[in-house]
Amino acid sequence: MKKVININFQGTIVPIEETSYELLKQYTESLRNYFANEDGKEEIINDIESRISELFQERLKNGSTCITDDDVNTI
């Protein structure tokens, strides 16, 4: 059994497994590194994170109790 935590992601509370949160954090950090020298990098990253948040909400509305490693890897 994995530990589930609640995070605020893009203004929405998301129940997510602790290991999944670490995967998400690594991915968002990699986005920041990738777009570090781009004009409008914050807007680009915000758009990507907003879409991830939308996809998380779809999974939760479809009956998932929390976001899992598989969800993060798929998204």
C-alpha atoms as a PDB file:
ATOM      1  CA  MET A   1       0.000   0.000   0.000  1.00  0.00           C
ATOM      2  CA  LYS A   2       1.367   3.399  -0.973  1.00  0.00           C
ATOM      3  CA  LYS A   3       1.031   6.606   0.999  1.00  0.00           C
ATOM      4  CA  VAL A   4      -1.405   9.115  -0.547  1.00  0.00           C
ATOM      5  CA  ILE A   5      -0.931  12.848  -0.105  1.00  0.00           C
ATOM      6  CA  ASN A   6      -3.010  15.829  -1.230  1.00  0.00           C
ATOM      7  CA  ILE A   7      -1.252  18.474  -3.290  1.00  0.00           C
ATOM      8  CA  ASN A   8      -2.364  21.788  -4.740  1.00  0.00           C
ATOM      9  CA  PHE A   9      -1.582  21.506  -8.440  1.00  0.00           C
ATOM     10  CA  GLN A  10      -2.626  24.408 -10.643  1.00  0.00           C
ATOM     11  CA  GLY A  11      -5.148  25.539  -8.035  1.00  0.00           C
ATOM     12  CA  THR A  12      -6.781  22.134  -7.645  1.00  0.00           C
ATOM     13  CA  ILE A  13      -6.421  19.703  -4.755  1.00  0.00           C
ATOM     14  CA  VAL A  14      -5.155  16.398  -6.148  1.00  0.00           C
ATOM     15  CA  PRO A  15      -4.867  13.162  -4.156  1.00  0.00           C
ATOM     16  CA  ILE A  16      -1.679  11.535  -5.405  1.00  0.00           C
ATOM     17  CA  GLU A  17       0.545   8.693  -4.289  1.00  0.00           C
ATOM     18  CA  GLU A  18       3.771   9.927  -2.726  1.00  0.00           C
ATOM     19  CA  THR A  19       5.917   8.162  -5.337  1.00  0.00           C
ATOM     20  CA  SER A  20       3.755   9.635  -8.098  1.00  0.00           C
ATOM     21  CA  TYR A  21       4.288  13.095  -6.656  1.00  0.00           C
ATOM     22  CA  GLU A  22       8.045  12.562  -6.882  1.00  0.00           C
ATOM     23  CA  LEU A  23       7.692  11.550 -10.554  1.00  0.00           C
ATOM     24  CA  LEU A  24       5.561  14.639 -11.226  1.00  0.00           C
ATOM     25  CA  LYS A  25       8.058  16.870  -9.444  1.00  0.00           C
ATOM     26  CA  GLN A  26      10.954  15.433 -11.480  1.00  0.00           C
ATOM     27  CA  TYR A  27       9.006  16.017 -14.699  1.00  0.00           C
ATOM     28  CA  THR A  28       8.127  19.630 -13.878  1.00  0.00           C
ATOM     29  CA  GLU A  29      11.746  20.304 -12.927  1.00  0.00           C
ATOM     30  CA  SER A  30      12.876  18.817 -16.248  1.00  0.00           C
ATOM     31  CA  LEU A  31      10.445  21.170 -18.025  1.00  0.00           C
ATOM     32  CA  ARG A  32      11.977  24.138 -16.210  1.00  0.00           C
ATOM     33  CA  ASN A  33      15.454  23.019 -17.259  1.00  0.00           C
ATOM     34  CA  TYR A  34      14.414  22.365 -20.863  1.00  0.00           C
ATOM     35  CA  PHE A  35      12.705  25.741 -21.311  1.00  0.00           C
ATOM     36  CA  ALA A  36      15.187  27.721 -19.175  1.00  0.00           C
ATOM     37  CA  ASN A  37      16.398  29.888 -22.073  1.00  0.00           C
ATOM     38  CA  GLU A  38      13.081  30.260 -23.924  1.00  0.00           C
ATOM     39  CA  ASP A  39      11.128  33.493 -24.121  1.00  0.00           C
ATOM     40  CA  GLY A  40       7.806  32.973 -22.375  1.00  0.00           C
ATOM     41  CA  LYS A  41       9.044  29.909 -20.501  1.00  0.00           C
ATOM     42  CA  GLU A  42       6.683  30.486 -17.558  1.00  0.00           C
ATOM     43  CA  GLU A  43       3.665  30.621 -19.862  1.00  0.00           C
ATOM     44  CA  ILE A  44       4.751  27.449 -21.681  1.00  0.00           C
ATOM     45  CA  ILE A  45       5.278  25.558 -18.423  1.00  0.00           C
ATOM     46  CA  ASN A  46       2.006  26.871 -16.999  1.00  0.00           C
ATOM     47  CA  ASP A  47       0.117  25.660 -20.093  1.00  0.00           C
ATOM     48  CA  ILE A  48       1.665  22.192 -19.817  1.00  0.00           C
ATOM     49  CA  GLU A  49       0.910  21.983 -16.093  1.00  0.00           C
ATOM     50  CA  SER A  50      -2.664  23.149 -16.696  1.00  0.00           C
ATOM     51  CA  ARG A  51      -3.194  20.347 -19.197  1.00  0.00           C
ATOM     52  CA  ILE A  52      -1.708  17.805 -16.793  1.00  0.00           C
ATOM     53  CA  SER A  53      -4.106  19.069 -14.117  1.00  0.00           C
ATOM     54  CA  GLU A  54      -7.064  18.661 -16.508  1.00  0.00           C
ATOM     55  CA  LEU A  55      -6.030  15.079 -17.280  1.00  0.00           C
ATOM     56  CA  PHE A  56      -5.650  14.325 -13.550  1.00  0.00           C
ATOM     57  CA  GLN A  57      -9.163  15.646 -12.936  1.00  0.00           C
ATOM     58  CA  GLU A  58     -10.561  13.458 -15.732  1.00  0.00           C
ATOM     59  CA  ARG A  59      -9.036  10.375 -14.118  1.00  0.00           C
ATOM     60  CA  LEU A  60     -10.420  11.304 -10.707  1.00  0.00           C
ATOM     61  CA  LYS A  61     -13.898  11.976 -12.140  1.00  0.00           C
ATOM     62  CA  ASN A  62     -13.819   8.569 -13.820  1.00  0.00           C
ATOM     63  CA  GLY A  63     -13.519   6.823 -10.473  1.00  0.00           C
ATOM     64  CA  SER A  64      -9.842   6.807  -9.564  1.00  0.00           C
ATOM     65  CA  THR A  65      -9.329   7.473  -5.867  1.00  0.00           C
ATOM     66  CA  CYS A  66      -5.899   9.012  -6.436  1.00  0.00           C
ATOM     67  CA  ILE A  67      -3.273   9.629  -9.082  1.00  0.00           C
ATOM     68  CA  THR A  68      -0.850   6.705  -9.414  1.00  0.00           C
ATOM     69  CA  ASP A  69       2.604   6.199 -10.940  1.00  0.00           C
ATOM     70  CA  ASP A  70       0.935   4.740 -14.039  1.00  0.00           C
ATOM     71  CA  ASP A  71      -1.239   7.851 -14.383  1.00  0.00           C
ATOM     72  CA  VAL A  72       1.763  10.180 -14.179  1.00  0.00           C
ATOM     73  CA  ASN A  73       3.783   8.071 -16.627  1.00  0.00           C
ATOM     74  CA  THR A  74       0.868   7.892 -19.083  1.00  0.00           C
ATOM     75  CA  ILE A  75       0.138  11.585 -18.938  1.00  0.00           C
END
